[in-house]
Amino acid sequence: MKVVRYWAKEQIRCEDIPKPVIGAGDALIEVAFAGICGTDMFIYSGAHPRATPPLVIGHELSGRLAELPPGYTGEFSVGDPVTVNPLISCNRCTPCLTGQSHVCRQLRLTGIDTDGGFAEFTKVPLGQLVKLPAGMSLEHGAIAEPVAVAVHAIRRSAFKIGDIVLVIGGGPMGVLVALTAKCAGARRVIVIEPNDFRRNLICELGFEAKREVEHEMLMRVTNGDGFDIVYEVAGVQAAMDAAIKHCKIRGQVVNVSVFKKPATVDLLRLNFAELEMIGIRVYTREDYVAAVNLIAKHPEFAKVITHRFQLQDTQKGIDLMRAGGDILKVLICPH
């Protein structure tokens, strides 16, 4: 079968390798679509500490079940359309034993610690499978993983129906957070995004999109109070500064992005406004299932998909993402 493997810093190869052989607790998936994520770009840059070559990257994927173990009698059947919750937990540490396996002390992911979805076929543990609802396209199923992050961000936050929300950063995750907040009942959502292409798409989705943080405007639309919740989804210091500054008294700042280096926080503002600040990491299985159902009911989530490439053209997709510009989510199509 054909796969794309990471071999070294900025080196990937499209190769032929044997199809995986499943064990008693595994399933084989014929991959239909796999998304390129920021984490995949981090691996490609050679900076990810756990990605060991040769590695088939890709942890956002959908496909159909190609094989199940002999004697399997569970809920799945060969041919079922599925997506994959890529989290691999140890099931032994305190977080795992107290129902928080998504923040396992030794958390690993398919596509980072084991071979993933940039392949014609991939092997995953049965427990990672999530069946797609009838009528839901496999392409839409491929964005379940990032939507699950957005669902987790909204659920873990203090969000309430009728809240006024600010999302700082209009990349794929920022757009998905905005859409999830809207579906959850936000009264108003404003997204800050400097990229013209992304900002236009955000407006097409029905949101107010601003090129930059304009303090007077943002305070005016909130009657001088600030926002109930600010979701920081840009991962830069200026975004964190703006999040703290424009959150209302006793409001909440939610850090969704992954900062590559430590950021500073205005603790004086945090104290004087009695702000709450939380971080989020990936998602629970409940979040993942909720994300699948949310996409099925709201196909506008798939608007984040802007480009598709065949498996042998994965390098083109990576190069496009590195260049930025008129792009949001890139899908790789192995078949």
C-alpha atoms as a PDB file:
ATOM      1  CA  MET A   1       0.000   0.000   0.000  1.00  0.00           C
ATOM      2  CA  LYS A   2       1.048   3.614  -0.472  1.00  0.00           C
ATOM      3  CA  VAL A   3       1.851   5.824   2.513  1.00  0.00           C
ATOM      4  CA  VAL A   4       3.504   9.160   3.200  1.00  0.00           C
ATOM      5  CA  ARG A   5       6.174   8.861   5.884  1.00  0.00           C
ATOM      6  CA  TYR A   6       8.139  11.470   7.795  1.00  0.00           C
ATOM      7  CA  TRP A   7      11.857  10.641   7.707  1.00  0.00           C
ATOM      8  CA  ALA A   8      13.694  13.714   8.963  1.00  0.00           C
ATOM      9  CA  LYS A   9      13.353  17.464   9.284  1.00  0.00           C
ATOM     10  CA  GLU A  10      11.417  18.703   6.217  1.00  0.00           C
ATOM     11  CA  GLN A  11      11.645  15.277   4.589  1.00  0.00           C
ATOM     12  CA  ILE A  12       8.623  13.158   3.731  1.00  0.00           C
ATOM     13  CA  ARG A  13       8.373  10.375   1.158  1.00  0.00           C
ATOM     14  CA  CYS A  14       5.508   8.671  -0.625  1.00  0.00           C
ATOM     15  CA  GLU A  15       6.379   4.960  -0.421  1.00  0.00           C
ATOM     16  CA  ASP A  16       5.022   1.442  -0.775  1.00  0.00           C
ATOM     17  CA  ILE A  17       4.976  -0.627   2.420  1.00  0.00           C
ATOM     18  CA  PRO A  18       3.064  -3.773   3.463  1.00  0.00           C
ATOM     19  CA  LYS A  19      -0.534  -3.359   4.592  1.00  0.00           C
ATOM     20  CA  PRO A  20      -0.792  -3.498   8.425  1.00  0.00           C
ATOM     21  CA  VAL A  21      -1.753  -6.803  10.006  1.00  0.00           C
ATOM     22  CA  ILE A  22      -4.384  -6.349  12.717  1.00  0.00           C
ATOM     23  CA  GLY A  23      -4.367  -8.027  16.107  1.00  0.00           C
ATOM     24  CA  ALA A  24      -7.232  -9.139  18.323  1.00  0.00           C
ATOM     25  CA  GLY A  25      -7.952  -5.617  19.564  1.00  0.00           C
ATOM     26  CA  ASP A  26      -7.454  -3.764  16.271  1.00  0.00           C
ATOM     27  CA  ALA A  27      -9.363  -2.670  13.192  1.00  0.00           C
ATOM     28  CA  LEU A  28      -8.065  -1.903   9.709  1.00  0.00           C
ATOM     29  CA  ILE A  29      -9.403   1.253   8.074  1.00  0.00           C
ATOM     30  CA  GLU A  30      -9.359   2.062   4.381  1.00  0.00           C
ATOM     31  CA  VAL A  31      -8.575   5.763   4.717  1.00  0.00           C
ATOM     32  CA  ALA A  32     -10.754   8.148   2.723  1.00  0.00           C
ATOM     33  CA  PHE A  33      -9.512  11.522   3.981  1.00  0.00           C
ATOM     34  CA  ALA A  34      -6.842  12.750   6.376  1.00  0.00           C
ATOM     35  CA  GLY A  35      -6.385  16.350   7.449  1.00  0.00           C
ATOM     36  CA  ILE A  36      -3.096  18.208   7.749  1.00  0.00           C
ATOM     37  CA  CYS A  37      -2.955  19.721  11.233  1.00  0.00           C
ATOM     38  CA  GLY A  38      -0.650  22.272  12.822  1.00  0.00           C
ATOM     39  CA  THR A  39       0.864  19.386  14.778  1.00  0.00           C
ATOM     40  CA  ASP A  40       1.735  17.648  11.499  1.00  0.00           C
ATOM     41  CA  MET A  41       3.497  20.819  10.424  1.00  0.00           C
ATOM     42  CA  PHE A  42       5.377  20.810  13.753  1.00  0.00           C
ATOM     43  CA  ILE A  43       6.458  17.222  13.061  1.00  0.00           C
ATOM     44  CA  TYR A  44       7.509  18.155   9.513  1.00  0.00           C
ATOM     45  CA  SER A  45       9.668  20.970  10.913  1.00  0.00           C
ATOM     46  CA  GLY A  46      11.593  18.383  12.941  1.00  0.00           C
ATOM     47  CA  ALA A  47      10.592  20.001  16.232  1.00  0.00           C
ATOM     48  CA  HIS A  48       8.142  17.470  17.688  1.00  0.00           C
ATOM     49  CA  PRO A  49       9.861  15.662  20.571  1.00  0.00           C
ATOM     50  CA  ARG A  50       7.942  12.382  20.235  1.00  0.00           C
ATOM     51  CA  ALA A  51       7.682  11.898  16.460  1.00  0.00           C
ATOM     52  CA  THR A  52      10.219   9.187  15.589  1.00  0.00           C
ATOM     53  CA  PRO A  53      10.910   8.442  11.900  1.00  0.00           C
ATOM     54  CA  PRO A  54       9.948   6.611   9.851  1.00  0.00           C
ATOM     55  CA  LEU A  55       6.425   7.682  10.809  1.00  0.00           C
ATOM     56  CA  VAL A  56       3.139   7.755   8.899  1.00  0.00           C
ATOM     57  CA  ILE A  57       1.738  11.067  10.131  1.00  0.00           C
ATOM     58  CA  GLY A  58      -1.906  12.187  10.211  1.00  0.00           C
ATOM     59  CA  HIS A  59      -4.228  12.027  13.237  1.00  0.00           C
ATOM     60  CA  GLU A  60      -7.362  13.566  11.645  1.00  0.00           C
ATOM     61  CA  LEU A  61      -8.917  10.876   9.476  1.00  0.00           C
ATOM     62  CA  SER A  62     -12.010   9.109   8.231  1.00  0.00           C
ATOM     63  CA  GLY A  63     -12.628   6.000   6.190  1.00  0.00           C
ATOM     64  CA  ARG A  64     -14.386   2.653   6.043  1.00  0.00           C
ATOM     65  CA  LEU A  65     -13.696  -0.430   8.086  1.00  0.00           C
ATOM     66  CA  ALA A  66     -11.764  -2.881   5.930  1.00  0.00           C
ATOM     67  CA  GLU A  67     -11.073  -5.633   8.487  1.00  0.00           C
ATOM     68  CA  LEU A  68     -12.172  -6.615  11.979  1.00  0.00           C
ATOM     69  CA  PRO A  69     -10.626  -9.332  14.170  1.00  0.00           C
ATOM     70  CA  PRO A  70     -11.837 -12.925  13.703  1.00  0.00           C
ATOM     71  CA  GLY A  71     -14.761 -13.625  16.003  1.00  0.00           C
ATOM     72  CA  TYR A  72     -15.511  -9.932  16.622  1.00  0.00           C
ATOM     73  CA  THR A  73     -19.118  -9.414  17.790  1.00  0.00           C
ATOM     74  CA  GLY A  74     -19.213  -5.729  18.674  1.00  0.00           C
ATOM     75  CA  GLU A  75     -21.132  -2.767  17.269  1.00  0.00           C
ATOM     76  CA  PHE A  76     -19.035  -2.333  14.107  1.00  0.00           C
ATOM     77  CA  SER A  77     -19.187  -4.117  10.758  1.00  0.00           C
ATOM     78  CA  VAL A  78     -16.847  -4.210   7.786  1.00  0.00           C
ATOM     79  CA  GLY A  79     -17.778  -1.328   5.492  1.00  0.00           C
ATOM     80  CA  ASP A  80     -18.945   0.995   8.268  1.00  0.00           C
ATOM     81  CA  PRO A  81     -17.962   4.662   7.802  1.00  0.00           C
ATOM     82  CA  VAL A  82     -15.853   5.754  10.760  1.00  0.00           C
ATOM     83  CA  THR A  83     -13.590   8.408  12.118  1.00  0.00           C
ATOM     84  CA  VAL A  84     -10.832   7.866  14.669  1.00  0.00           C
ATOM     85  CA  ASN A  85     -10.364   9.338  18.116  1.00  0.00           C
ATOM     86  CA  PRO A  86      -6.547   9.268  18.039  1.00  0.00           C
ATOM     87  CA  LEU A  87      -5.898   9.504  21.798  1.00  0.00           C
ATOM     88  CA  ILE A  88      -3.952   6.626  23.352  1.00  0.00           C
ATOM     89  CA  SER A  89      -4.060   6.670  27.161  1.00  0.00           C
ATOM     90  CA  CYS A  90      -2.150   4.456  29.601  1.00  0.00           C
ATOM     91  CA  ASN A  91      -5.238   3.632  31.739  1.00  0.00           C
ATOM     92  CA  ARG A  92      -2.988   3.429  34.813  1.00  0.00           C
ATOM     93  CA  CYS A  93      -2.158   6.976  35.920  1.00  0.00           C
ATOM     94  CA  THR A  94      -4.304   9.058  38.285  1.00  0.00           C
ATOM     95  CA  PRO A  95      -6.005  11.105  35.518  1.00  0.00           C
ATOM     96  CA  CYS A  96      -6.950   7.905  33.663  1.00  0.00           C
ATOM     97  CA  LEU A  97      -8.228   6.224  36.829  1.00  0.00           C
ATOM     98  CA  THR A  98     -10.360   9.265  37.711  1.00  0.00           C
ATOM     99  CA  GLY A  99     -12.117   9.615  34.367  1.00  0.00           C
ATOM    100  CA  GLN A 100      -9.743  12.144  32.784  1.00  0.00           C
ATOM    101  CA  SER A 101      -7.878   9.903  30.357  1.00  0.00           C
ATOM    102  CA  HIS A 102      -7.649  12.716  27.776  1.00  0.00           C
ATOM    103  CA  VAL A 103      -5.020  14.328  30.028  1.00  0.00           C
ATOM    104  CA  CYS A 104      -3.216  11.060  30.701  1.00  0.00           C
ATOM    105  CA  ARG A 105       0.273  11.633  32.082  1.00  0.00           C
ATOM    106  CA  GLN A 106       1.645   9.512  29.227  1.00  0.00           C
ATOM    107  CA  LEU A 107      -0.829  10.548  26.524  1.00  0.00           C
ATOM    108  CA  ARG A 108       0.072   9.437  23.016  1.00  0.00           C
ATOM    109  CA  LEU A 109      -1.680   9.891  19.670  1.00  0.00           C
ATOM    110  CA  THR A 110      -2.122   7.901  16.494  1.00  0.00           C
ATOM    111  CA  GLY A 111      -0.196   9.719  13.770  1.00  0.00           C
ATOM    112  CA  ILE A 112       2.365  11.047  16.245  1.00  0.00           C
ATOM    113  CA  ASP A 113       3.424   8.096  18.389  1.00  0.00           C
ATOM    114  CA  THR A 114       2.097   5.369  16.080  1.00  0.00           C
ATOM    115  CA  ASP A 115       1.417   5.288  12.330  1.00  0.00           C
ATOM    116  CA  GLY A 116      -1.532   7.413  11.253  1.00  0.00           C
ATOM    117  CA  GLY A 117      -3.752   8.385   8.364  1.00  0.00           C
ATOM    118  CA  PHE A 118      -1.535   9.491   5.470  1.00  0.00           C
ATOM    119  CA  ALA A 119      -1.904   6.011   4.038  1.00  0.00           C
ATOM    120  CA  GLU A 120      -4.246   3.871   1.980  1.00  0.00           C
ATOM    121  CA  PHE A 121      -4.868   1.746   5.074  1.00  0.00           C
ATOM    122  CA  THR A 122      -4.165   2.250   8.752  1.00  0.00           C
ATOM    123  CA  LYS A 123      -4.465   0.053  11.843  1.00  0.00           C
ATOM    124  CA  VAL A 124      -6.045   1.454  15.027  1.00  0.00           C
ATOM    125  CA  PRO A 125      -7.307   0.008  18.316  1.00  0.00           C
ATOM    126  CA  LEU A 126     -11.016  -0.836  18.260  1.00  0.00           C
ATOM    127  CA  GLY A 127     -11.617   1.573  21.138  1.00  0.00           C
ATOM    128  CA  GLN A 128     -10.624   4.518  18.938  1.00  0.00           C
ATOM    129  CA  LEU A 129     -13.404   3.973  16.393  1.00  0.00           C
ATOM    130  CA  VAL A 130     -16.358   6.362  16.198  1.00  0.00           C
ATOM    131  CA  LYS A 131     -19.098   5.461  13.715  1.00  0.00           C
ATOM    132  CA  LEU A 132     -20.381   8.222  11.442  1.00  0.00           C
ATOM    133  CA  PRO A 133     -24.143   8.845  11.353  1.00  0.00           C
ATOM    134  CA  ALA A 134     -26.096   7.650   8.326  1.00  0.00           C
ATOM    135  CA  GLY A 135     -25.803  10.117   5.467  1.00  0.00           C
ATOM    136  CA  MET A 136     -22.732  11.912   6.814  1.00  0.00           C
ATOM    137  CA  SER A 137     -19.963  12.175   4.218  1.00  0.00           C
ATOM    138  CA  LEU A 138     -16.522  10.756   4.865  1.00  0.00           C
ATOM    139  CA  GLU A 139     -15.041  14.128   3.949  1.00  0.00           C
ATOM    140  CA  HIS A 140     -17.008  15.789   6.736  1.00  0.00           C
ATOM    141  CA  GLY A 141     -15.984  12.995   9.086  1.00  0.00           C
ATOM    142  CA  ALA A 142     -12.333  13.896   8.570  1.00  0.00           C
ATOM    143  CA  ILE A 143     -12.751  17.145  10.537  1.00  0.00           C
ATOM    144  CA  ALA A 144     -14.261  15.452  13.602  1.00  0.00           C
ATOM    145  CA  GLU A 145     -10.963  15.651  15.495  1.00  0.00           C
ATOM    146  CA  PRO A 146     -10.470  19.450  15.316  1.00  0.00           C
ATOM    147  CA  VAL A 147     -14.201  19.998  15.909  1.00  0.00           C
ATOM    148  CA  ALA A 148     -13.847  17.859  19.051  1.00  0.00           C
ATOM    149  CA  VAL A 149     -11.187  20.311  20.283  1.00  0.00           C
ATOM    150  CA  ALA A 150     -13.657  23.166  19.740  1.00  0.00           C
ATOM    151  CA  VAL A 151     -16.437  21.266  21.512  1.00  0.00           C
ATOM    152  CA  HIS A 152     -14.123  20.606  24.463  1.00  0.00           C
ATOM    153  CA  ALA A 153     -13.172  24.297  24.596  1.00  0.00           C
ATOM    154  CA  ILE A 154     -16.814  25.370  24.796  1.00  0.00           C
ATOM    155  CA  ARG A 155     -17.817  22.645  27.253  1.00  0.00           C
ATOM    156  CA  ARG A 156     -14.879  23.184  29.601  1.00  0.00           C
ATOM    157  CA  SER A 157     -15.369  26.955  29.624  1.00  0.00           C
ATOM    158  CA  ALA A 158     -18.009  28.866  31.589  1.00  0.00           C
ATOM    159  CA  PHE A 159     -19.982  29.460  28.393  1.00  0.00           C
ATOM    160  CA  LYS A 160     -23.708  30.187  28.794  1.00  0.00           C
ATOM    161  CA  ILE A 161     -26.470  30.663  26.234  1.00  0.00           C
ATOM    162  CA  GLY A 162     -26.614  34.352  25.329  1.00  0.00           C
ATOM    163  CA  ASP A 163     -22.947  35.080  25.978  1.00  0.00           C
ATOM    164  CA  ILE A 164     -20.988  37.590  23.901  1.00  0.00           C
ATOM    165  CA  VAL A 165     -17.828  35.873  22.703  1.00  0.00           C
ATOM    166  CA  LEU A 166     -14.520  37.066  21.267  1.00  0.00           C
ATOM    167  CA  VAL A 167     -12.363  34.619  19.303  1.00  0.00           C
ATOM    168  CA  ILE A 168      -8.809  35.817  18.681  1.00  0.00           C
ATOM    169  CA  GLY A 169      -7.387  33.946  15.695  1.00  0.00           C
ATOM    170  CA  GLY A 170      -9.388  32.928  12.617  1.00  0.00           C
ATOM    171  CA  GLY A 171      -7.455  29.893  11.453  1.00  0.00           C
ATOM    172  CA  PRO A 172      -9.179  26.492  11.238  1.00  0.00           C
ATOM    173  CA  MET A 173      -9.458  26.109  15.018  1.00  0.00           C
ATOM    174  CA  GLY A 174     -10.645  29.684  15.532  1.00  0.00           C
ATOM    175  CA  VAL A 175     -13.376  29.237  12.935  1.00  0.00           C
ATOM    176  CA  LEU A 176     -14.456  25.935  14.494  1.00  0.00           C
ATOM    177  CA  VAL A 177     -14.562  27.478  17.981  1.00  0.00           C
ATOM    178  CA  ALA A 178     -16.701  30.342  16.638  1.00  0.00           C
ATOM    179  CA  LEU A 179     -19.080  27.922  14.913  1.00  0.00           C
ATOM    180  CA  THR A 180     -19.363  25.754  18.024  1.00  0.00           C
ATOM    181  CA  ALA A 181     -20.074  28.779  20.224  1.00  0.00           C
ATOM    182  CA  LYS A 182     -22.763  29.905  17.776  1.00  0.00           C
ATOM    183  CA  CYS A 183     -24.393  26.455  17.757  1.00  0.00           C
ATOM    184  CA  ALA A 184     -24.274  26.437  21.571  1.00  0.00           C
ATOM    185  CA  GLY A 185     -26.287  29.671  21.722  1.00  0.00           C
ATOM    186  CA  ALA A 186     -23.853  32.586  21.742  1.00  0.00           C
ATOM    187  CA  ARG A 187     -25.650  35.902  21.272  1.00  0.00           C
ATOM    188  CA  ARG A 188     -22.761  37.465  19.381  1.00  0.00           C
ATOM    189  CA  VAL A 189     -19.404  36.194  18.177  1.00  0.00           C
ATOM    190  CA  ILE A 190     -16.612  38.460  16.928  1.00  0.00           C
ATOM    191  CA  VAL A 191     -13.474  36.950  15.364  1.00  0.00           C
ATOM    192  CA  ILE A 192     -10.131  38.736  15.014  1.00  0.00           C
ATOM    193  CA  GLU A 193      -8.193  37.585  11.930  1.00  0.00           C
ATOM    194  CA  PRO A 194      -5.722  39.616   9.819  1.00  0.00           C
ATOM    195  CA  ASN A 195      -5.778  37.307   6.770  1.00  0.00           C
ATOM    196  CA  ASP A 196      -8.217  38.653   4.138  1.00  0.00           C
ATOM    197  CA  PHE A 197      -9.196  35.235   2.743  1.00  0.00           C
ATOM    198  CA  ARG A 198      -9.958  33.802   6.162  1.00  0.00           C
ATOM    199  CA  ARG A 199     -11.775  36.928   7.284  1.00  0.00           C
ATOM    200  CA  ASN A 200     -14.028  36.854   4.200  1.00  0.00           C
ATOM    201  CA  LEU A 201     -14.882  33.196   4.837  1.00  0.00           C
ATOM    202  CA  ILE A 202     -15.655  33.997   8.480  1.00  0.00           C
ATOM    203  CA  CYS A 203     -18.058  36.718   7.331  1.00  0.00           C
ATOM    204  CA  GLU A 204     -19.699  34.278   4.887  1.00  0.00           C
ATOM    205  CA  LEU A 205     -20.381  32.037   7.864  1.00  0.00           C
ATOM    206  CA  GLY A 206     -22.317  34.852   9.503  1.00  0.00           C
ATOM    207  CA  PHE A 207     -19.762  36.197  11.986  1.00  0.00           C
ATOM    208  CA  GLU A 208     -18.362  39.655  12.505  1.00  0.00           C
ATOM    209  CA  ALA A 209     -14.698  39.492  11.522  1.00  0.00           C
ATOM    210  CA  LYS A 210     -12.194  42.241  12.287  1.00  0.00           C
ATOM    211  CA  ARG A 211      -8.705  42.605  10.842  1.00  0.00           C
ATOM    212  CA  GLU A 212      -7.124  43.625  14.136  1.00  0.00           C
ATOM    213  CA  VAL A 213      -7.881  44.290  17.768  1.00  0.00           C
ATOM    214  CA  GLU A 214      -9.527  47.718  17.949  1.00  0.00           C
ATOM    215  CA  HIS A 215      -9.992  48.488  21.621  1.00  0.00           C
ATOM    216  CA  GLU A 216     -12.592  51.222  21.291  1.00  0.00           C
ATOM    217  CA  MET A 217     -14.734  49.220  18.872  1.00  0.00           C
ATOM    218  CA  LEU A 218     -14.585  46.051  20.963  1.00  0.00           C
ATOM    219  CA  MET A 219     -15.550  47.927  24.111  1.00  0.00           C
ATOM    220  CA  ARG A 220     -18.321  49.751  22.283  1.00  0.00           C
ATOM    221  CA  VAL A 221     -20.008  46.551  21.075  1.00  0.00           C
ATOM    222  CA  THR A 222     -20.006  45.256  24.657  1.00  0.00           C
ATOM    223  CA  ASN A 223     -21.320  48.531  26.164  1.00  0.00           C
ATOM    224  CA  GLY A 224     -17.948  49.102  27.763  1.00  0.00           C
ATOM    225  CA  ASP A 225     -18.025  45.847  29.725  1.00  0.00           C
ATOM    226  CA  GLY A 226     -15.840  43.537  27.647  1.00  0.00           C
ATOM    227  CA  PHE A 227     -16.643  40.000  26.517  1.00  0.00           C
ATOM    228  CA  ASP A 228     -18.167  37.249  28.625  1.00  0.00           C
ATOM    229  CA  ILE A 229     -15.594  34.784  27.305  1.00  0.00           C
ATOM    230  CA  VAL A 230     -12.506  35.289  25.153  1.00  0.00           C
ATOM    231  CA  TYR A 231     -11.096  32.258  23.330  1.00  0.00           C
ATOM    232  CA  GLU A 232      -7.415  32.750  22.492  1.00  0.00           C
ATOM    233  CA  VAL A 233      -6.716  30.664  19.376  1.00  0.00           C
ATOM    234  CA  ALA A 234      -3.716  32.414  17.840  1.00  0.00           C
ATOM    235  CA  GLY A 235      -0.825  31.300  20.029  1.00  0.00           C
ATOM    236  CA  VAL A 236       1.053  34.607  20.058  1.00  0.00           C
ATOM    237  CA  GLN A 237       1.775  37.052  22.866  1.00  0.00           C
ATOM    238  CA  ALA A 238      -0.297  39.857  21.347  1.00  0.00           C
ATOM    239  CA  ALA A 239      -3.354  37.577  21.306  1.00  0.00           C
ATOM    240  CA  MET A 240      -2.932  36.727  24.985  1.00  0.00           C
ATOM    241  CA  ASP A 241      -2.549  40.425  25.844  1.00  0.00           C
ATOM    242  CA  ALA A 242      -5.728  41.269  23.932  1.00  0.00           C
ATOM    243  CA  ALA A 243      -7.649  38.400  25.532  1.00  0.00           C
ATOM    244  CA  ILE A 244      -6.870  39.598  29.056  1.00  0.00           C
ATOM    245  CA  LYS A 245      -7.572  43.233  28.149  1.00  0.00           C
ATOM    246  CA  HIS A 246     -10.970  42.652  26.521  1.00  0.00           C
ATOM    247  CA  CYS A 247     -12.485  40.151  28.912  1.00  0.00           C
ATOM    248  CA  LYS A 248     -15.202  41.565  31.159  1.00  0.00           C
ATOM    249  CA  ILE A 249     -14.905  41.779  34.934  1.00  0.00           C
ATOM    250  CA  ARG A 250     -15.298  38.244  36.281  1.00  0.00           C
ATOM    251  CA  GLY A 251     -15.219  36.944  32.738  1.00  0.00           C
ATOM    252  CA  GLN A 252     -13.132  34.061  31.445  1.00  0.00           C
ATOM    253  CA  VAL A 253     -10.149  33.699  29.125  1.00  0.00           C
ATOM    254  CA  VAL A 254      -9.753  30.287  27.500  1.00  0.00           C
ATOM    255  CA  ASN A 255      -6.365  29.377  26.033  1.00  0.00           C
ATOM    256  CA  VAL A 256      -7.096  27.019  23.113  1.00  0.00           C
ATOM    257  CA  SER A 257      -3.869  27.455  21.140  1.00  0.00           C
ATOM    258  CA  VAL A 258      -0.594  25.735  21.967  1.00  0.00           C
ATOM    259  CA  PHE A 259       2.135  28.292  22.634  1.00  0.00           C
ATOM    260  CA  LYS A 260       5.559  27.208  21.434  1.00  0.00           C
ATOM    261  CA  LYS A 261       7.234  29.222  24.200  1.00  0.00           C
ATOM    262  CA  PRO A 262       6.122  30.665  27.556  1.00  0.00           C
ATOM    263  CA  ALA A 263       3.807  33.686  27.368  1.00  0.00           C
ATOM    264  CA  THR A 264       3.378  36.500  29.884  1.00  0.00           C
ATOM    265  CA  VAL A 265       0.029  37.309  31.503  1.00  0.00           C
ATOM    266  CA  ASP A 266      -1.073  40.646  32.969  1.00  0.00           C
ATOM    267  CA  LEU A 267      -1.663  39.389  36.506  1.00  0.00           C
ATOM    268  CA  LEU A 268      -2.651  42.857  37.735  1.00  0.00           C
ATOM    269  CA  ARG A 269      -5.568  42.892  35.293  1.00  0.00           C
ATOM    270  CA  LEU A 270      -6.306  39.263  36.162  1.00  0.00           C
ATOM    271  CA  ASN A 271      -6.545  40.149  39.863  1.00  0.00           C
ATOM    272  CA  PHE A 272      -8.301  43.500  39.672  1.00  0.00           C
ATOM    273  CA  ALA A 273     -10.965  42.216  37.253  1.00  0.00           C
ATOM    274  CA  GLU A 274     -11.216  38.857  39.054  1.00  0.00           C
ATOM    275  CA  LEU A 275     -10.778  37.080  35.736  1.00  0.00           C
ATOM    276  CA  GLU A 276     -10.727  33.334  35.383  1.00  0.00           C
ATOM    277  CA  MET A 277      -8.239  31.767  32.977  1.00  0.00           C
ATOM    278  CA  ILE A 278      -8.190  28.132  31.913  1.00  0.00           C
ATOM    279  CA  GLY A 279      -6.347  25.941  29.452  1.00  0.00           C
ATOM    280  CA  ILE A 280      -7.743  23.114  27.371  1.00  0.00           C
ATOM    281  CA  ARG A 281      -6.112  20.020  25.950  1.00  0.00           C
ATOM    282  CA  VAL A 282      -7.618  17.826  23.252  1.00  0.00           C
ATOM    283  CA  TYR A 283     -11.058  16.352  24.188  1.00  0.00           C
ATOM    284  CA  THR A 284     -12.920  13.565  25.939  1.00  0.00           C
ATOM    285  CA  ARG A 285     -14.577  10.718  24.046  1.00  0.00           C
ATOM    286  CA  GLU A 286     -17.922  12.360  24.814  1.00  0.00           C
ATOM    287  CA  ASP A 287     -16.659  15.548  23.165  1.00  0.00           C
ATOM    288  CA  TYR A 288     -15.566  13.556  20.126  1.00  0.00           C
ATOM    289  CA  VAL A 289     -18.949  11.862  19.688  1.00  0.00           C
ATOM    290  CA  ALA A 290     -20.679  15.224  20.196  1.00  0.00           C
ATOM    291  CA  ALA A 291     -18.453  16.727  17.498  1.00  0.00           C
ATOM    292  CA  VAL A 292     -19.453  14.045  14.983  1.00  0.00           C
ATOM    293  CA  ASN A 293     -23.137  14.675  15.672  1.00  0.00           C
ATOM    294  CA  LEU A 294     -22.629  18.438  15.485  1.00  0.00           C
ATOM    295  CA  ILE A 295     -21.033  18.214  12.034  1.00  0.00           C
ATOM    296  CA  ALA A 296     -23.836  15.928  10.857  1.00  0.00           C
ATOM    297  CA  LYS A 297     -26.440  18.535  11.872  1.00  0.00           C
ATOM    298  CA  HIS A 298     -24.445  21.587  10.775  1.00  0.00           C
ATOM    299  CA  PRO A 299     -22.629  20.942   7.466  1.00  0.00           C
ATOM    300  CA  GLU A 300     -21.300  24.520   7.494  1.00  0.00           C
ATOM    301  CA  PHE A 301     -18.467  23.191   9.699  1.00  0.00           C
ATOM    302  CA  ALA A 302     -16.999  21.665   6.535  1.00  0.00           C
ATOM    303  CA  LYS A 303     -16.523  25.172   5.090  1.00  0.00           C
ATOM    304  CA  VAL A 304     -13.108  25.117   6.779  1.00  0.00           C
ATOM    305  CA  ILE A 305     -11.999  22.567   4.151  1.00  0.00           C
ATOM    306  CA  THR A 306     -10.447  24.645   1.383  1.00  0.00           C
ATOM    307  CA  HIS A 307      -8.004  22.298  -0.369  1.00  0.00           C
ATOM    308  CA  ARG A 308      -7.689  18.608  -1.215  1.00  0.00           C
ATOM    309  CA  PHE A 309      -4.627  16.732  -2.489  1.00  0.00           C
ATOM    310  CA  GLN A 310      -3.936  13.152  -3.532  1.00  0.00           C
ATOM    311  CA  LEU A 311      -1.613  11.167  -1.283  1.00  0.00           C
ATOM    312  CA  GLN A 312       1.325  11.496  -3.675  1.00  0.00           C
ATOM    313  CA  ASP A 313       0.878  15.284  -3.592  1.00  0.00           C
ATOM    314  CA  THR A 314       1.043  15.621   0.206  1.00  0.00           C
ATOM    315  CA  GLN A 315       4.187  17.748  -0.137  1.00  0.00           C
ATOM    316  CA  LYS A 316       2.165  20.299  -2.125  1.00  0.00           C
ATOM    317  CA  GLY A 317      -0.349  20.514   0.703  1.00  0.00           C
ATOM    318  CA  ILE A 318       2.375  21.027   3.275  1.00  0.00           C
ATOM    319  CA  ASP A 319       4.076  23.671   1.131  1.00  0.00           C
ATOM    320  CA  LEU A 320       0.762  25.493   0.721  1.00  0.00           C
ATOM    321  CA  MET A 321       0.190  25.497   4.463  1.00  0.00           C
ATOM    322  CA  ARG A 322       3.679  26.814   5.093  1.00  0.00           C
ATOM    323  CA  ALA A 323       3.123  29.626   2.614  1.00  0.00           C
ATOM    324  CA  GLY A 324      -0.177  30.637   4.219  1.00  0.00           C
ATOM    325  CA  GLY A 325      -2.528  32.866   2.271  1.00  0.00           C
ATOM    326  CA  ASP A 326      -5.820  31.631   0.840  1.00  0.00           C
ATOM    327  CA  ILE A 327      -6.079  28.448   2.863  1.00  0.00           C
ATOM    328  CA  LEU A 328      -7.682  26.936   5.947  1.00  0.00           C
ATOM    329  CA  LYS A 329      -7.937  23.137   6.207  1.00  0.00           C
ATOM    330  CA  VAL A 330      -6.133  20.801   3.775  1.00  0.00           C
ATOM    331  CA  LEU A 331      -7.286  17.213   3.284  1.00  0.00           C
ATOM    332  CA  ILE A 332      -5.212  14.374   1.880  1.00  0.00           C
ATOM    333  CA  CYS A 333      -7.105  11.795  -0.196  1.00  0.00           C
ATOM    334  CA  PRO A 334      -5.304   8.414  -0.303  1.00  0.00           C
ATOM    335  CA  HIS A 335      -7.761   6.827  -2.787  1.00  0.00           C
END
